[in-house]
Amino acid sequence: MKILKSAVVAFSLAIAMGSFSTTANAAVEDRTSFKPLDAVKAVQSHIAAAVAAINNGADANEVSAHIKSASDGAKEINANDKVARENSKAIKHLKAAQASAKVANLQEAKEHLGKANEVLEDLKKLI
């Protein structure tokens, strides 16, 4: 009887564990995951939009919104430890650019965006 009870518990545990899909659980936060290279390209497009906004004379809030989108996208880049270290450098430049944009120092923000873009170009070689 003990063996039968253990077998029933083990079987029900196996069924319970297999009934929940990890894919369904991962989509709970409404986040979309990208391949690392696609995420880098998306961040670079947000950086390009921010630089274009600066060149067109946009206000600091609009530029800051573009930089925030780039920073959020940069957090999605994850391939290995080397990529993570280089990505943290890009995120630092993006945070500095956003801080500069918030105080309406758009020229300094543009410089930080350029440095972040250079880091992301180097990052593509590591992926």
C-alpha atoms as a PDB file:
ATOM      1  CA  MET A   1       0.000   0.000   0.000  1.00  0.00           C
ATOM      2  CA  LYS A   2       2.885   2.356   0.766  1.00  0.00           C
ATOM      3  CA  ILE A   3       4.351   1.776  -2.689  1.00  0.00           C
ATOM      4  CA  LEU A   4       0.996   2.461  -4.346  1.00  0.00           C
ATOM      5  CA  LYS A   5       0.535   5.661  -2.347  1.00  0.00           C
ATOM      6  CA  SER A   6       4.042   6.863  -3.315  1.00  0.00           C
ATOM      7  CA  ALA A   7       3.420   6.038  -6.952  1.00  0.00           C
ATOM      8  CA  VAL A   8       0.132   7.967  -7.005  1.00  0.00           C
ATOM      9  CA  VAL A   9       1.746  11.023  -5.389  1.00  0.00           C
ATOM     10  CA  ALA A  10       4.687  10.913  -7.819  1.00  0.00           C
ATOM     11  CA  PHE A  11       2.381  10.516 -10.810  1.00  0.00           C
ATOM     12  CA  SER A  12       0.112  13.388  -9.752  1.00  0.00           C
ATOM     13  CA  LEU A  13       3.131  15.612  -9.124  1.00  0.00           C
ATOM     14  CA  ALA A  14       4.495  14.817 -12.586  1.00  0.00           C
ATOM     15  CA  ILE A  15       1.145  15.636 -14.190  1.00  0.00           C
ATOM     16  CA  ALA A  16       0.855  18.885 -12.250  1.00  0.00           C
ATOM     17  CA  MET A  17       4.371  19.998 -13.207  1.00  0.00           C
ATOM     18  CA  GLY A  18       3.813  19.253 -16.873  1.00  0.00           C
ATOM     19  CA  SER A  19       0.454  20.962 -17.124  1.00  0.00           C
ATOM     20  CA  PHE A  20       1.815  24.507 -16.925  1.00  0.00           C
ATOM     21  CA  SER A  21       3.592  25.780 -19.982  1.00  0.00           C
ATOM     22  CA  THR A  22       6.700  27.852 -19.362  1.00  0.00           C
ATOM     23  CA  THR A  23       5.901  29.883 -22.461  1.00  0.00           C
ATOM     24  CA  ALA A  24       2.524  30.825 -21.063  1.00  0.00           C
ATOM     25  CA  ASN A  25       4.102  31.785 -17.761  1.00  0.00           C
ATOM     26  CA  ALA A  26       6.760  33.900 -19.495  1.00  0.00           C
ATOM     27  CA  ALA A  27       4.165  35.998 -21.313  1.00  0.00           C
ATOM     28  CA  VAL A  28       2.508  37.129 -18.097  1.00  0.00           C
ATOM     29  CA  GLU A  29       4.381  40.430 -17.998  1.00  0.00           C
ATOM     30  CA  ASP A  30       3.405  41.338 -21.584  1.00  0.00           C
ATOM     31  CA  ARG A  31       7.068  41.557 -22.504  1.00  0.00           C
ATOM     32  CA  THR A  32       8.387  40.562 -25.869  1.00  0.00           C
ATOM     33  CA  SER A  33      11.819  39.021 -26.047  1.00  0.00           C
ATOM     34  CA  PHE A  34      14.061  39.687 -29.015  1.00  0.00           C
ATOM     35  CA  LYS A  35      17.175  38.086 -30.368  1.00  0.00           C
ATOM     36  CA  PRO A  36      20.213  40.059 -29.150  1.00  0.00           C
ATOM     37  CA  LEU A  37      21.062  41.409 -32.598  1.00  0.00           C
ATOM     38  CA  ASP A  38      17.472  42.536 -33.186  1.00  0.00           C
ATOM     39  CA  ALA A  39      17.454  44.275 -29.813  1.00  0.00           C
ATOM     40  CA  VAL A  40      20.707  46.097 -30.662  1.00  0.00           C
ATOM     41  CA  LYS A  41      19.223  47.283 -33.955  1.00  0.00           C
ATOM     42  CA  ALA A  42      16.081  48.496 -32.181  1.00  0.00           C
ATOM     43  CA  VAL A  43      18.147  50.454 -29.646  1.00  0.00           C
ATOM     44  CA  GLN A  44      20.188  51.986 -32.453  1.00  0.00           C
ATOM     45  CA  SER A  45      17.011  53.059 -34.228  1.00  0.00           C
ATOM     46  CA  HIS A  46      15.816  54.787 -31.028  1.00  0.00           C
ATOM     47  CA  ILE A  47      19.209  56.485 -30.722  1.00  0.00           C
ATOM     48  CA  ALA A  48      18.970  57.631 -34.342  1.00  0.00           C
ATOM     49  CA  ALA A  49      15.492  59.014 -33.657  1.00  0.00           C
ATOM     50  CA  ALA A  50      16.803  60.914 -30.627  1.00  0.00           C
ATOM     51  CA  VAL A  51      19.699  62.387 -32.616  1.00  0.00           C
ATOM     52  CA  ALA A  52      17.313  63.351 -35.433  1.00  0.00           C
ATOM     53  CA  ALA A  53      15.041  65.017 -32.888  1.00  0.00           C
ATOM     54  CA  ILE A  54      17.994  66.995 -31.512  1.00  0.00           C
ATOM     55  CA  ASN A  55      19.041  68.036 -35.023  1.00  0.00           C
ATOM     56  CA  ASN A  56      15.468  69.123 -35.843  1.00  0.00           C
ATOM     57  CA  GLY A  57      15.264  71.291 -32.749  1.00  0.00           C
ATOM     58  CA  ALA A  58      12.856  69.203 -30.710  1.00  0.00           C
ATOM     59  CA  ASP A  59      12.224  70.001 -27.083  1.00  0.00           C
ATOM     60  CA  ALA A  60      14.014  68.210 -24.262  1.00  0.00           C
ATOM     61  CA  ASN A  61      10.978  66.110 -23.299  1.00  0.00           C
ATOM     62  CA  GLU A  62      10.695  64.540 -26.747  1.00  0.00           C
ATOM     63  CA  VAL A  63      14.420  63.778 -26.870  1.00  0.00           C
ATOM     64  CA  SER A  64      14.262  62.339 -23.359  1.00  0.00           C
ATOM     65  CA  ALA A  65      11.389  60.057 -24.399  1.00  0.00           C
ATOM     66  CA  HIS A  66      13.435  58.673 -27.309  1.00  0.00           C
ATOM     67  CA  ILE A  67      16.407  58.102 -25.026  1.00  0.00           C
ATOM     68  CA  LYS A  68      14.166  56.367 -22.468  1.00  0.00           C
ATOM     69  CA  SER A  69      12.929  54.002 -25.193  1.00  0.00           C
ATOM     70  CA  ALA A  70      16.520  53.253 -26.179  1.00  0.00           C
ATOM     71  CA  SER A  71      17.477  52.623 -22.567  1.00  0.00           C
ATOM     72  CA  ASP A  72      14.538  50.269 -22.050  1.00  0.00           C
ATOM     73  CA  GLY A  73      15.460  48.375 -25.198  1.00  0.00           C
ATOM     74  CA  ALA A  74      19.096  48.105 -24.132  1.00  0.00           C
ATOM     75  CA  LYS A  75      18.011  46.221 -21.042  1.00  0.00           C
ATOM     76  CA  GLU A  76      16.694  43.459 -23.326  1.00  0.00           C
ATOM     77  CA  ILE A  77      20.126  42.754 -24.835  1.00  0.00           C
ATOM     78  CA  ASN A  78      21.451  39.582 -23.249  1.00  0.00           C
ATOM     79  CA  ALA A  79      23.643  36.960 -24.853  1.00  0.00           C
ATOM     80  CA  ASN A  80      26.577  36.219 -22.547  1.00  0.00           C
ATOM     81  CA  ASP A  81      28.837  37.845 -19.944  1.00  0.00           C
ATOM     82  CA  LYS A  82      30.999  39.769 -22.439  1.00  0.00           C
ATOM     83  CA  VAL A  83      27.911  41.184 -24.117  1.00  0.00           C
ATOM     84  CA  ALA A  84      26.446  42.115 -20.734  1.00  0.00           C
ATOM     85  CA  ARG A  85      29.607  44.010 -19.744  1.00  0.00           C
ATOM     86  CA  GLU A  86      29.692  45.950 -23.002  1.00  0.00           C
ATOM     87  CA  ASN A  87      25.953  46.563 -22.843  1.00  0.00           C
ATOM     88  CA  SER A  88      26.321  48.078 -19.372  1.00  0.00           C
ATOM     89  CA  LYS A  89      28.685  50.659 -20.885  1.00  0.00           C
ATOM     90  CA  ALA A  90      26.043  51.586 -23.468  1.00  0.00           C
ATOM     91  CA  ILE A  91      23.394  51.835 -20.756  1.00  0.00           C
ATOM     92  CA  LYS A  92      25.637  54.185 -18.747  1.00  0.00           C
ATOM     93  CA  HIS A  93      25.975  56.471 -21.783  1.00  0.00           C
ATOM     94  CA  LEU A  94      22.223  56.350 -22.361  1.00  0.00           C
ATOM     95  CA  LYS A  95      21.537  57.281 -18.726  1.00  0.00           C
ATOM     96  CA  ALA A  96      24.003  60.159 -18.971  1.00  0.00           C
ATOM     97  CA  ALA A  97      22.340  61.290 -22.201  1.00  0.00           C
ATOM     98  CA  GLN A  98      18.925  61.183 -20.576  1.00  0.00           C
ATOM     99  CA  ALA A  99      20.170  63.191 -17.593  1.00  0.00           C
ATOM    100  CA  SER A 100      21.621  65.775 -19.971  1.00  0.00           C
ATOM    101  CA  ALA A 101      18.419  65.916 -21.987  1.00  0.00           C
ATOM    102  CA  LYS A 102      16.323  66.471 -18.866  1.00  0.00           C
ATOM    103  CA  VAL A 103      18.302  69.616 -18.071  1.00  0.00           C
ATOM    104  CA  ALA A 104      18.042  70.695 -21.737  1.00  0.00           C
ATOM    105  CA  ASN A 105      21.752  70.190 -22.464  1.00  0.00           C
ATOM    106  CA  LEU A 106      21.042  68.568 -25.817  1.00  0.00           C
ATOM    107  CA  GLN A 107      24.560  68.901 -27.235  1.00  0.00           C
ATOM    108  CA  GLU A 108      26.017  66.861 -24.389  1.00  0.00           C
ATOM    109  CA  ALA A 109      23.184  64.361 -24.769  1.00  0.00           C
ATOM    110  CA  LYS A 110      24.049  64.023 -28.452  1.00  0.00           C
ATOM    111  CA  GLU A 111      27.673  63.245 -27.564  1.00  0.00           C
ATOM    112  CA  HIS A 112      26.620  60.536 -25.123  1.00  0.00           C
ATOM    113  CA  LEU A 113      24.259  59.081 -27.711  1.00  0.00           C
ATOM    114  CA  GLY A 114      27.133  58.909 -30.189  1.00  0.00           C
ATOM    115  CA  LYS A 115      29.289  57.076 -27.657  1.00  0.00           C
ATOM    116  CA  ALA A 116      26.457  54.662 -26.868  1.00  0.00           C
ATOM    117  CA  ASN A 117      26.019  53.984 -30.583  1.00  0.00           C
ATOM    118  CA  GLU A 118      29.744  53.231 -30.910  1.00  0.00           C
ATOM    119  CA  VAL A 119      29.550  50.768 -28.025  1.00  0.00           C
ATOM    120  CA  LEU A 120      26.548  49.102 -29.651  1.00  0.00           C
ATOM    121  CA  GLU A 121      28.440  48.778 -32.952  1.00  0.00           C
ATOM    122  CA  ASP A 122      31.254  47.016 -31.076  1.00  0.00           C
ATOM    123  CA  LEU A 123      28.622  44.923 -29.332  1.00  0.00           C
ATOM    124  CA  LYS A 124      27.365  43.589 -32.660  1.00  0.00           C
ATOM    125  CA  LYS A 125      30.771  41.983 -33.238  1.00  0.00           C
ATOM    126  CA  LEU A 126      30.484  40.038 -29.990  1.00  0.00           C
ATOM    127  CA  ILE A 127      27.094  38.553 -30.797  1.00  0.00           C
END
